[in-house]
Structure formats: structure tokens, C-alpha cells
Amino acid sequence: MPRRLVLTAMPAAGHVNPSAPLIGELVDRGVDVRVYATEEFRPLIERLGAECRTYPPGTISSGVIAEATNAGGSPKVAQRIFESAHLLVPFLQAELQDRSTEAIMFDSNALWGRMVATSLRLPAISMMTTMRISPAELRGLSARESLPLLRQTLAALPGLLRATRRLRRGVGTGLVPPSPVLPAQGDLTLFPLPEWMQADSDRDDPTCHYVGPTFDAGTRTEELDGPLRELLGRDGPLVVVSLGTLHSGGEDFFRACVEAFAELPATVLLVVGRRTEPPAPDSLPANIAVRSVVPQLEVLQHAAAFVTHGGMNSVLEALHCAVPMLILPQQVEQLCIGEAIARQDAAIVHRHHFHGREITADELRTSVQALLGQRRYRAGAWAVAQTLREGGGAAAAVDQIDDLLRDRETPAF
């Protein structure tokens, strides 16, 4: 009988994609993997050879996460996580009651997975897809930069406290992890990033392991179509602009991009997301194309510069491809990620969002021209790319899981 492992995902692309190679590696080693996610990710999960089970409607989804992010940032997302956990903990307990499972792996924001592992007395394995923000990094923010986060926290606090009390009443105080609750660590915590990116890595305990990026283009379901292949094959540099699946960027931002890059001697690909109305193709300069979504990792392999929000997954994909970045963070975590990359001379960071204004067309143009024209940014991105695989990736992560279960006298993979 094959070994069995359960993964509770946070249903957003930036969280599921880093977990996909681990799922594939586990399946390749003969492990029976069941993943709890949403229908959106079923094709990817089943392509990897794992079983996909869906969360009940009305609990958690990429739409719920995006709505919370846009309404109140990270504090509002935390509130929705606690509200979802109240429903998902009993759901998963019932689902797993009669299933022989060796361990539960959970996204570091999928709190319900950590809690169910505790209730079933199973090893808990955290996939740390969110960068931890250290006290020193928070102290490094100016008063003005701290204000948006403070406002979001105060606005979400009543709802967060209600959700926390309800969760404790519903499942018991003993299942809620100690503070800080999010992002949650486990008996084993896997960081799919290089250790130098985590500012407080010296505070880690022996259960924390930095395995480096785990993504793999072979685990993705998207493919390049003919027009996109033609676009990527054009002469000259390619600039990719994408603010991710949660933030996307508004119409004003992409209009500024069109103004900024109309005369740039480069092909520019604007990835606007599914929630932003794309500019009409006939209104665009010949060097600018627009798409709602693209297979980002494959596209970045052709890019010379990347304009991004600074999400962990996007940043690591760009660094894997040795692409320097202009980072426009929308959240404090993304600002911390951006500053870590900028210290390696692989990015330029603009903090405009934290000062209550949007970046201008002139600022966009000047920054991208610097990325394309100054050798130090290309050299910095190239140098970082050479270090990313040092942690061992998905294979090293599964080795750590194997060691954990062996230590607990559970049959190894």
C-alpha cells in the first residue's frame, strides 16, 4: 500500500505553483498525494498525478483572496483565513477520519491544515510561500509608509478578533497555533527561497530548511500559443509587465505603461490580469502587446526586464531566468522582498504605493531604460540566478519530509 500525504493549499497561483514540483516529486517517489484546493487548480494537480479534492463553496478561493486583498490588504486576508478555518477544520477532520495519512503538508497561510494535523496528531509540514516580515524590517518603514498597513490593520481588527473568537469556540483553543499565527510553521518548515532573502533567518530553529525555488515549467498547464511565440521571437529586448493575479494593476497604470514604452526600442508585453479591461489592440503602438494571462515562467525565459509587484513567486521566477526587475510593491511583504533583491543589484524598487501615489510614465521609462542599459542590473540578476539551485529544490524538500517521518518512526518514502 503506498504511503499517503495530504496537502492543504492556499488557492492562489503564487501559492499553488511553488508546491506543484513537490507534489510531482512525491508522486514520482510512489507517494499517494491528496491535495485540497479549488476547481481552478484541478487540471494542474491531476496532471501531476495527485488526487484533487475541493474546498466547500463559500470558504476559500482565489476570488475570495483577491477580494480581501483589494479591500484591506494582508489584515483582511488574515480575517478571511480565520473565517474559512472555522468551516474547513471540521470539513477536513471528517474527510480524513477514515484515511490512513502519514502527514499533512499545508501552505503557510492555510491555517486549517496546521490545525487539522494537530487534531489528528499527525506531523505538520509547512510550505512557507509567504516571506516573514521581521521587526527590523517594520522599523525600517517610514511613518508614512507604515500608515497604510496601520489603517488596514485597524479596519480589519474587529472582524479578525470576532473570527478568532469564533474559531477558538468552534474547534478549541488548543488547535490554534501560538503567536505569530500567520504565516504558520510546522514540525518541518520548508522555505522555497534562498536563505539570504529572509532577513531574520538567524532566528530559525532546526525545523526550518531553505530548499530554494521549487518551480518547474514542466508542472504548468499553460502553453505558448502561435501569436505569443511570434511575439517572443521578435528581434530586440522584451519587457514584461505584470502585477500578478491578485493585484493585476488598474487601467490607469497600464495607460501609463503605454505612454512610457511607446517609443522604447523593445517589445513590451502587458499582462493585465482577468479583472482589468485590456486596452484595445488597435490603440496600441506596434511594439506593445497585451494579454490577460500568459505562462509567466516560459515568457520570462525570453525577457530582458520585468516590471512586477514583487510577489515571491514572480520574483523567484524572474531571478531563475536572470531577469532584472522594476518592483512596484503593493504590500509590505513585497516591499521587503524587493529591497532584498535590490541589495543584490538585481532590481530597482519604487515605493510610490506606500506614499499614496502611482508611478508616472516618465519614472517607468527611466527605470526600465536603466535595467536594459546598465550592466550592473543584468550582472546582479545573473549572479543571483547561479545561487538559486543551491538549496536542492523539490528533491531536497522531499528528502526533508522523508527524514521527518523516519525520525517519527513512520515508513519513509
Protein backbone atom coordinates (compact mmCIF):
# COMPACT_ATOMS: atom_id res chain seq x y z
CA MET A 1 0.00 0.00 0.00
CA PRO A 2 1.52 3.37 -1.00
CA ARG A 3 2.38 5.99 1.60
CA ARG A 4 -0.17 8.78 1.87
CA LEU A 5 0.24 12.51 2.35
CA VAL A 6 -2.33 15.30 2.32
CA LEU A 7 -1.64 18.88 1.17
CA THR A 8 -3.98 21.75 2.04
CA ALA A 9 -3.37 24.53 -0.46
CA MET A 10 -3.97 28.25 -0.40
CA PRO A 11 -5.88 28.55 -3.69
CA ALA A 12 -3.91 31.29 -5.44
CA ALA A 13 -1.39 30.87 -8.25
CA GLY A 14 1.52 32.31 -6.27
CA HIS A 15 0.91 29.71 -3.56
CA VAL A 16 -0.01 26.63 -5.60
CA ASN A 17 2.71 26.93 -8.25
CA PRO A 18 5.65 26.62 -5.80
CA SER A 19 4.03 23.50 -4.32
CA ALA A 20 3.49 21.79 -7.68
CA PRO A 21 7.04 20.42 -8.12
CA LEU A 22 6.93 18.99 -4.58
CA ILE A 23 3.68 17.22 -5.42
CA GLY A 24 5.27 15.86 -8.59
CA GLU A 25 8.38 14.70 -6.72
CA LEU A 26 6.28 12.95 -4.06
CA VAL A 27 4.20 11.20 -6.72
CA ASP A 28 7.37 10.14 -8.58
CA ARG A 29 8.59 8.52 -5.34
CA GLY A 30 5.42 6.47 -5.08
CA VAL A 31 3.52 8.60 -2.57
CA ASP A 32 -0.27 8.82 -2.75
CA VAL A 33 -0.88 12.58 -2.56
CA ARG A 34 -4.27 14.17 -1.98
CA VAL A 35 -4.48 17.94 -2.48
CA TYR A 36 -7.27 20.14 -1.16
CA ALA A 37 -7.71 23.21 -3.36
CA THR A 38 -10.35 24.61 -5.75
CA GLU A 39 -11.57 23.59 -9.21
CA GLU A 40 -9.32 26.24 -10.74
CA PHE A 41 -6.28 24.13 -9.87
CA ARG A 42 -7.67 20.67 -10.62
CA PRO A 43 -6.03 20.37 -14.09
CA LEU A 44 -2.58 21.13 -12.64
CA ILE A 45 -2.98 18.83 -9.63
CA GLU A 46 -4.30 15.89 -11.63
CA ARG A 47 -1.64 16.37 -14.29
CA LEU A 48 0.94 15.85 -11.54
CA GLY A 49 -0.65 12.52 -10.66
CA ALA A 50 -2.24 13.62 -7.38
CA GLU A 51 -5.86 13.42 -6.28
CA CYS A 52 -7.68 16.76 -6.13
CA ARG A 53 -10.40 17.39 -3.56
CA THR A 54 -12.13 20.77 -3.49
CA TYR A 55 -12.90 23.05 -0.59
CA PRO A 56 -16.63 23.58 0.06
CA PRO A 57 -18.22 26.56 -1.72
CA GLY A 58 -18.19 29.75 0.30
CA THR A 59 -14.98 29.00 2.20
CA ILE A 60 -11.78 30.00 0.39
CA SER A 61 -10.94 30.62 -3.28
CA SER A 62 -8.71 32.80 -5.42
CA GLY A 63 -11.63 35.20 -5.82
CA VAL A 64 -12.12 35.46 -2.06
CA ILE A 65 -8.39 36.09 -1.57
CA ALA A 66 -8.30 38.73 -4.31
CA GLU A 67 -11.37 40.49 -2.93
CA ALA A 68 -9.91 40.56 0.58
CA THR A 69 -6.53 41.75 -0.71
CA ASN A 70 -8.07 44.63 -2.63
CA ALA A 71 -10.44 45.53 0.22
CA GLY A 72 -7.95 45.60 3.07
CA GLY A 73 -4.58 44.04 2.26
CA SER A 74 -2.94 41.37 4.39
CA PRO A 75 -5.02 42.05 7.56
CA LYS A 76 -8.26 41.48 5.64
CA VAL A 77 -6.84 38.29 4.11
CA ALA A 78 -5.94 37.07 7.62
CA GLN A 79 -9.54 37.67 8.70
CA ARG A 80 -10.84 35.60 5.78
CA ILE A 81 -8.35 32.83 6.61
CA PHE A 82 -9.69 32.61 10.19
CA GLU A 83 -13.28 32.68 8.93
CA SER A 84 -12.51 29.90 6.46
CA ALA A 85 -10.66 27.83 9.07
CA HIS A 86 -13.81 27.77 11.21
CA LEU A 87 -15.53 25.83 8.40
CA LEU A 88 -12.59 23.94 6.93
CA VAL A 89 -11.23 22.34 10.11
CA PRO A 90 -14.36 20.22 10.74
CA PHE A 91 -14.67 19.56 7.00
CA LEU A 92 -11.12 18.17 6.81
CA GLN A 93 -11.46 16.25 10.07
CA ALA A 94 -14.45 14.42 8.57
CA GLU A 95 -12.67 13.91 5.24
CA LEU A 96 -9.58 12.38 6.84
CA GLN A 97 -11.21 10.43 9.67
CA ASP A 98 -11.06 7.12 7.81
CA ARG A 99 -8.00 7.83 5.67
CA SER A 100 -4.61 6.48 6.69
CA THR A 101 -2.35 9.53 6.30
CA GLU A 102 1.28 9.83 7.37
CA ALA A 103 1.48 13.63 7.41
CA ILE A 104 -0.28 16.84 6.46
CA MET A 105 1.56 19.41 4.42
CA PHE A 106 0.00 22.87 4.36
CA ASP A 107 0.60 26.22 2.76
CA SER A 108 1.89 28.54 5.48
CA ASN A 109 -1.29 30.62 5.10
CA ALA A 110 -3.64 27.60 5.01
CA LEU A 111 -4.07 27.64 8.78
CA TRP A 112 -6.72 24.90 8.68
CA GLY A 113 -4.13 22.33 7.55
CA ARG A 114 -1.90 23.05 10.53
CA MET A 115 -4.86 22.79 12.90
CA VAL A 116 -6.14 19.51 11.47
CA ALA A 117 -2.66 17.98 11.71
CA THR A 118 -2.64 18.90 15.41
CA SER A 119 -6.11 17.45 15.98
CA LEU A 120 -5.20 14.16 14.26
CA ARG A 121 -1.76 14.02 15.92
CA LEU A 122 -0.03 13.92 12.54
CA PRO A 123 3.27 15.53 11.54
CA ALA A 124 2.65 19.04 10.18
CA ILE A 125 4.78 20.25 7.26
CA SER A 126 4.63 23.94 6.35
CA MET A 127 5.35 25.22 2.85
CA MET A 128 6.41 28.80 3.61
CA THR A 129 5.16 30.57 0.48
CA THR A 130 4.98 33.91 2.31
CA MET A 131 8.04 35.88 3.37
CA ARG A 132 8.13 36.53 7.11
CA ILE A 133 8.42 40.21 7.95
CA SER A 134 10.96 40.82 10.68
CA PRO A 135 10.60 43.54 13.35
CA ALA A 136 13.72 45.21 11.93
CA GLU A 137 12.07 45.49 8.51
CA LEU A 138 8.96 47.04 10.02
CA ARG A 139 11.11 49.53 11.92
CA GLY A 140 12.76 50.41 8.61
CA LEU A 141 9.50 51.78 7.23
CA SER A 142 8.93 55.49 7.49
CA ALA A 143 5.87 56.72 9.39
CA ARG A 144 4.16 57.48 6.10
CA GLU A 145 4.96 54.03 4.70
CA SER A 146 3.65 52.35 7.85
CA LEU A 147 0.37 54.27 7.76
CA PRO A 148 -1.46 52.18 5.10
CA LEU A 149 -0.69 48.93 6.94
CA LEU A 150 -1.75 50.51 10.25
CA ARG A 151 -5.03 51.69 8.73
CA GLN A 152 -5.69 48.26 7.20
CA THR A 153 -4.92 46.53 10.49
CA LEU A 154 -7.20 48.81 12.50
CA ALA A 155 -10.01 48.42 9.96
CA ALA A 156 -9.74 44.61 9.94
CA LEU A 157 -9.13 44.21 13.68
CA PRO A 158 -12.78 43.95 14.87
CA GLY A 159 -13.59 41.33 12.24
CA LEU A 160 -10.33 39.48 12.87
CA LEU A 161 -10.99 39.33 16.61
CA ARG A 162 -14.55 38.07 16.01
CA ALA A 163 -13.28 35.41 13.61
CA THR A 164 -10.57 34.36 16.08
CA ARG A 165 -13.02 34.03 18.98
CA ARG A 166 -15.43 32.07 16.81
CA LEU A 167 -12.65 29.77 15.65
CA ARG A 168 -11.46 29.09 19.21
CA ARG A 169 -15.02 28.38 20.36
CA GLY A 170 -15.64 26.09 17.40
CA VAL A 171 -12.50 23.95 17.38
CA GLY A 172 -10.90 24.57 20.76
CA THR A 173 -8.07 26.83 21.85
CA GLY A 174 -5.51 24.03 21.70
CA LEU A 175 -5.68 23.74 17.91
CA VAL A 176 -4.83 27.39 17.18
CA PRO A 177 -1.04 27.74 16.77
CA PRO A 178 0.85 30.10 19.09
CA SER A 179 1.54 33.68 18.01
CA PRO A 180 2.53 34.66 15.39
CA VAL A 181 -0.23 32.53 13.89
CA LEU A 182 0.46 33.53 10.27
CA PRO A 183 2.47 32.55 8.38
CA ALA A 184 2.28 29.25 10.24
CA GLN A 185 5.28 26.99 10.80
CA GLY A 186 5.11 23.24 11.33
CA ASP A 187 7.10 20.35 12.71
CA LEU A 188 9.05 20.88 9.48
CA THR A 189 9.02 24.22 7.66
CA LEU A 190 10.22 24.37 4.06
CA PHE A 191 11.23 27.72 2.58
CA PRO A 192 11.15 27.66 -1.25
CA LEU A 193 13.54 30.61 -1.39
CA PRO A 194 17.25 31.24 -0.84
CA GLU A 195 18.18 31.91 2.78
CA TRP A 196 19.62 35.37 2.06
CA MET A 197 16.13 36.64 1.16
CA GLN A 198 14.78 36.02 4.67
CA ALA A 199 16.03 38.86 6.86
CA ASP A 200 15.63 37.06 10.19
CA SER A 201 16.87 33.62 9.11
CA ASP A 202 19.32 33.63 12.03
CA ARG A 203 16.28 33.25 14.33
CA ASP A 204 15.20 29.99 12.70
CA ASP A 205 15.10 26.76 14.67
CA PRO A 206 16.37 23.39 13.35
CA THR A 207 12.96 22.58 11.86
CA CYS A 208 13.41 25.32 9.20
CA HIS A 209 15.04 24.39 5.90
CA TYR A 210 15.76 26.63 2.90
CA VAL A 211 15.45 24.45 -0.20
CA GLY A 212 15.39 27.28 -2.74
CA PRO A 213 12.88 27.75 -5.56
CA THR A 214 10.86 24.67 -6.44
CA PHE A 215 9.07 25.79 -9.60
CA ASP A 216 9.30 23.82 -12.82
CA ALA A 217 7.89 24.82 -16.21
CA GLY A 218 7.05 21.16 -16.78
CA THR A 219 4.45 21.26 -14.00
CA ARG A 220 2.46 24.11 -15.55
CA THR A 221 -0.65 23.58 -17.66
CA GLU A 222 -0.39 26.74 -19.78
CA GLU A 223 1.24 26.63 -23.21
CA LEU A 224 2.55 29.27 -25.59
CA ASP A 225 0.17 29.88 -28.50
CA GLY A 226 1.27 30.86 -32.00
CA PRO A 227 0.90 34.65 -31.71
CA LEU A 228 2.72 34.65 -28.37
CA ARG A 229 5.56 32.57 -29.81
CA GLU A 230 5.86 35.09 -32.65
CA LEU A 231 5.95 37.94 -30.16
CA LEU A 232 8.68 36.30 -28.10
CA GLY A 233 10.70 35.64 -31.25
CA ARG A 234 10.96 39.29 -32.29
CA ASP A 235 14.35 40.94 -32.52
CA GLY A 236 15.42 43.19 -29.67
CA PRO A 237 14.77 43.07 -25.92
CA LEU A 238 11.48 42.00 -24.39
CA VAL A 239 9.98 43.86 -21.41
CA VAL A 240 7.24 42.02 -19.49
CA VAL A 241 4.82 43.96 -17.26
CA SER A 242 2.62 42.09 -14.77
CA LEU A 243 1.37 42.99 -11.30
CA GLY A 244 0.25 39.44 -10.50
CA THR A 245 -3.04 37.60 -10.26
CA LEU A 246 -4.28 39.34 -7.10
CA HIS A 247 -3.37 42.98 -7.77
CA SER A 248 -3.32 42.94 -11.60
CA GLY A 249 -2.99 46.73 -11.85
CA GLY A 250 -5.63 49.22 -12.90
CA GLU A 251 -6.39 50.75 -16.27
CA ASP A 252 -4.56 53.96 -15.29
CA PHE A 253 -1.37 52.01 -14.60
CA PHE A 254 -1.42 50.26 -17.97
CA ARG A 255 -2.19 53.54 -19.77
CA ALA A 256 0.94 54.93 -18.10
CA CYS A 257 2.86 51.90 -19.37
CA VAL A 258 1.67 52.53 -22.94
CA GLU A 259 2.77 56.16 -22.67
CA ALA A 260 6.09 55.18 -21.11
CA PHE A 261 7.08 52.48 -23.57
CA ALA A 262 5.58 53.63 -26.89
CA GLU A 263 8.96 54.84 -28.14
CA LEU A 264 11.09 52.28 -26.31
CA PRO A 265 13.29 50.23 -28.68
CA ALA A 266 11.91 46.99 -27.26
CA THR A 267 8.89 44.71 -27.45
CA VAL A 268 6.63 45.25 -24.43
CA LEU A 269 4.13 42.65 -23.22
CA LEU A 270 1.46 43.96 -20.83
CA VAL A 271 -0.18 41.19 -18.78
CA VAL A 272 -3.25 42.88 -17.33
CA GLY A 273 -4.97 40.00 -15.50
CA ARG A 274 -8.56 38.84 -15.75
CA ARG A 275 -10.04 41.70 -13.71
CA THR A 276 -8.64 44.60 -15.76
CA GLU A 277 -10.12 45.66 -19.09
CA PRO A 278 -7.24 45.45 -21.60
CA PRO A 279 -6.54 48.35 -23.94
CA ALA A 280 -7.94 47.86 -27.44
CA PRO A 281 -5.21 46.30 -29.64
CA ASP A 282 -5.72 48.88 -32.40
CA SER A 283 -4.99 51.66 -29.88
CA LEU A 284 -1.56 50.27 -29.01
CA PRO A 285 1.79 51.18 -30.56
CA ALA A 286 3.30 48.48 -32.77
CA ASN A 287 5.87 47.49 -30.12
CA ILE A 288 3.29 46.87 -27.35
CA ALA A 289 1.07 43.79 -26.99
CA VAL A 290 -1.47 42.98 -24.30
CA ARG A 291 -2.66 39.69 -22.79
CA SER A 292 -4.91 38.85 -19.87
CA VAL A 293 -2.72 35.94 -18.75
CA VAL A 294 0.44 34.21 -20.00
CA PRO A 295 2.57 31.22 -18.96
CA GLN A 296 4.84 33.51 -16.98
CA LEU A 297 7.83 31.23 -16.40
CA GLU A 298 8.12 30.43 -20.10
CA VAL A 299 7.69 34.07 -21.10
CA LEU A 300 10.34 35.26 -18.64
CA GLN A 301 12.88 32.98 -20.28
CA HIS A 302 12.77 35.42 -23.20
CA ALA A 303 12.66 38.67 -21.19
CA ALA A 304 15.31 41.34 -20.68
CA ALA A 305 13.39 43.22 -17.95
CA PHE A 306 10.34 42.54 -15.78
CA VAL A 307 8.01 45.09 -14.18
CA THR A 308 6.35 43.31 -11.25
CA HIS A 309 4.55 43.80 -7.93
CA GLY A 310 7.26 41.80 -6.19
CA GLY A 311 5.29 38.71 -5.21
CA MET A 312 7.53 35.88 -4.06
CA ASN A 313 6.66 33.53 -6.91
CA SER A 314 7.09 36.17 -9.63
CA VAL A 315 10.39 37.42 -8.23
CA LEU A 316 11.89 33.94 -7.96
CA GLU A 317 10.78 33.05 -11.48
CA ALA A 318 12.45 36.19 -12.82
CA LEU A 319 15.66 35.50 -10.90
CA HIS A 320 15.65 31.91 -12.14
CA CYS A 321 15.68 33.37 -15.66
CA ALA A 322 18.30 36.02 -14.67
CA VAL A 323 15.90 38.87 -15.49
CA PRO A 324 16.41 42.20 -13.66
CA MET A 325 13.26 43.79 -12.27
CA LEU A 326 11.44 47.02 -11.61
CA ILE A 327 9.48 46.18 -8.46
CA LEU A 328 6.33 48.14 -7.59
CA PRO A 329 5.27 46.60 -4.25
CA GLN A 330 1.64 46.76 -3.20
CA GLN A 331 2.12 45.19 0.25
CA VAL A 332 4.78 45.36 2.97
CA GLU A 333 5.87 41.79 2.27
CA GLN A 334 6.50 42.67 -1.37
CA LEU A 335 8.45 45.75 -0.32
CA CYS A 336 10.70 43.57 1.87
CA ILE A 337 11.19 41.12 -1.00
CA GLY A 338 12.03 43.98 -3.35
CA GLU A 339 14.57 45.52 -1.02
CA ALA A 340 16.28 42.13 -0.58
CA ILE A 341 16.60 41.80 -4.38
CA ALA A 342 17.74 45.41 -4.79
CA ARG A 343 20.58 44.75 -2.33
CA GLN A 344 21.82 42.15 -4.82
CA ASP A 345 21.78 44.76 -7.65
CA ALA A 346 19.10 42.73 -9.42
CA ALA A 347 16.20 45.18 -9.09
CA ILE A 348 15.02 48.77 -8.79
CA VAL A 349 12.28 49.34 -6.20
CA HIS A 350 9.74 52.16 -6.25
CA ARG A 351 7.81 52.77 -3.02
CA HIS A 352 5.14 55.02 -4.57
CA HIS A 353 2.20 52.91 -3.43
CA PHE A 354 3.23 53.49 0.19
CA HIS A 355 3.31 57.25 -0.40
CA GLY A 356 -0.21 57.44 -1.79
CA ARG A 357 0.59 57.92 -5.47
CA GLU A 358 1.14 55.88 -8.61
CA ILE A 359 4.35 55.71 -10.59
CA THR A 360 4.43 58.07 -13.59
CA ALA A 361 5.16 57.24 -17.22
CA ASP A 362 8.48 59.11 -17.02
CA GLU A 363 9.52 57.13 -13.93
CA LEU A 364 8.55 53.85 -15.58
CA ARG A 365 10.52 54.69 -18.71
CA THR A 366 13.63 55.85 -16.84
CA SER A 367 13.72 52.78 -14.60
CA VAL A 368 13.24 50.26 -17.41
CA GLN A 369 15.87 52.03 -19.51
CA ALA A 370 18.26 51.64 -16.58
CA LEU A 371 17.51 47.91 -16.34
CA LEU A 372 18.11 47.48 -20.06
CA GLY A 373 21.12 49.75 -20.33
CA GLN A 374 23.13 49.37 -17.12
CA ARG A 375 25.24 46.25 -16.96
CA ARG A 376 25.14 46.03 -13.15
CA TYR A 377 21.48 45.01 -13.11
CA ARG A 378 21.96 42.24 -15.67
CA ALA A 379 25.08 41.09 -13.82
CA GLY A 380 23.28 41.17 -10.48
CA ALA A 381 20.37 39.09 -11.76
CA TRP A 382 22.77 36.64 -13.40
CA ALA A 383 24.80 36.24 -10.20
CA VAL A 384 21.69 35.56 -8.14
CA ALA A 385 20.41 33.04 -10.71
CA GLN A 386 23.55 30.96 -10.22
CA THR A 387 22.81 30.56 -6.50
CA LEU A 388 19.12 29.66 -6.61
CA ARG A 389 19.54 25.90 -7.01
CA GLU A 390 21.98 25.54 -4.14
CA GLY A 391 19.21 24.51 -1.74
CA GLY A 392 18.25 21.48 -3.81
CA GLY A 393 14.70 22.46 -4.76
CA ALA A 394 11.82 19.99 -4.71
CA ALA A 395 14.03 16.91 -4.33
CA ALA A 396 15.69 18.37 -1.21
CA ALA A 397 12.28 19.30 0.20
CA VAL A 398 11.00 15.75 -0.17
CA ASP A 399 14.23 14.43 1.39
CA GLN A 400 13.48 16.60 4.43
CA ILE A 401 9.94 15.20 4.62
CA ASP A 402 11.41 11.71 4.40
CA ASP A 403 13.80 12.48 7.28
CA LEU A 404 10.98 13.88 9.42
CA LEU A 405 8.85 10.79 9.03
CA ARG A 406 11.79 8.45 9.56
CA ASP A 407 12.58 10.22 12.84
CA ARG A 408 8.97 9.69 13.88
CA GLU A 409 9.19 6.00 13.01
CA THR A 410 6.88 6.41 10.04
CA PRO A 411 7.79 4.38 6.92
CA ALA A 412 9.96 6.50 4.63
CA PHE A 413 9.18 7.28 1.00
